[in-house]
Amino acid sequence: METWYYEVVSIDGDYANLMRTDIESDDLKLVARALLPPEIVEGSELKYEMMQYELLK
């Protein structure tokens, strides 16, 4: 299973925009906040592995 790394770029209500940090990409991924750790803020770093997001810092 692959591991991907993201940064929370913005939070808009029940959704967050994530940007991949492990590859060069300008694309944002819109993710429901219910799938993310509740303590995220803009600038948080996340790891996505085995269909789960984990807060790194």
Protein backbone atom coordinates (compact mmCIF):
# COMPACT_ATOMS: atom_id res chain seq x y z
CA MET A 1 0.00 0.00 0.00
CA GLU A 2 1.27 3.46 -0.87
CA THR A 3 1.82 6.35 1.53
CA TRP A 4 1.05 9.92 0.51
CA TYR A 5 1.76 13.19 2.32
CA TYR A 6 -0.44 16.28 2.31
CA GLU A 7 -0.61 19.77 3.73
CA VAL A 8 -3.92 21.37 4.71
CA VAL A 9 -4.11 24.46 2.49
CA SER A 10 -7.52 25.72 3.57
CA ILE A 11 -10.57 24.71 5.55
CA ASP A 12 -14.02 25.64 4.27
CA GLY A 13 -16.85 24.47 6.52
CA ASP A 14 -17.13 20.68 6.36
CA TYR A 15 -14.33 20.33 3.80
CA ALA A 16 -10.57 20.85 3.62
CA ASN A 17 -8.34 21.43 0.61
CA LEU A 18 -5.20 19.29 0.69
CA MET A 19 -2.07 19.60 -1.43
CA ARG A 20 0.35 16.72 -1.95
CA THR A 21 3.80 17.46 -0.56
CA ASP A 22 5.61 14.27 -1.58
CA ILE A 23 5.39 15.04 -5.31
CA GLU A 24 5.32 18.18 -7.47
CA SER A 25 1.65 19.04 -7.94
CA ASP A 26 -0.48 22.17 -7.94
CA ASP A 27 -3.72 20.19 -7.73
CA LEU A 28 -5.81 20.40 -4.58
CA LYS A 29 -7.81 17.51 -3.18
CA LEU A 30 -11.14 18.34 -1.53
CA VAL A 31 -11.73 16.04 1.46
CA ALA A 32 -14.63 15.91 3.92
CA ARG A 33 -13.46 16.93 7.40
CA ALA A 34 -15.23 13.86 8.82
CA LEU A 35 -12.43 11.78 7.22
CA LEU A 36 -9.65 13.91 8.73
CA PRO A 37 -8.30 14.17 12.28
CA PRO A 38 -10.50 16.69 14.17
CA GLU A 39 -7.55 18.80 15.37
CA ILE A 40 -6.34 19.87 11.90
CA VAL A 41 -5.73 23.54 11.13
CA GLU A 42 -4.44 25.28 8.02
CA GLY A 43 -0.81 24.27 7.59
CA SER A 44 -1.20 20.86 9.27
CA GLU A 45 0.78 18.03 7.72
CA LEU A 46 -0.97 14.72 7.13
CA LYS A 47 0.01 11.21 6.13
CA TYR A 48 -2.47 9.12 4.13
CA GLU A 49 -1.96 5.39 4.40
CA MET A 50 -4.31 2.40 4.37
CA MET A 51 -7.30 4.68 3.67
CA GLN A 52 -6.70 6.78 6.83
CA TYR A 53 -5.32 10.26 7.43
CA GLU A 54 -2.87 10.76 10.32
CA LEU A 55 -1.81 14.13 11.71
CA LEU A 56 1.98 14.56 11.63
CA LYS A 57 2.26 18.17 12.88
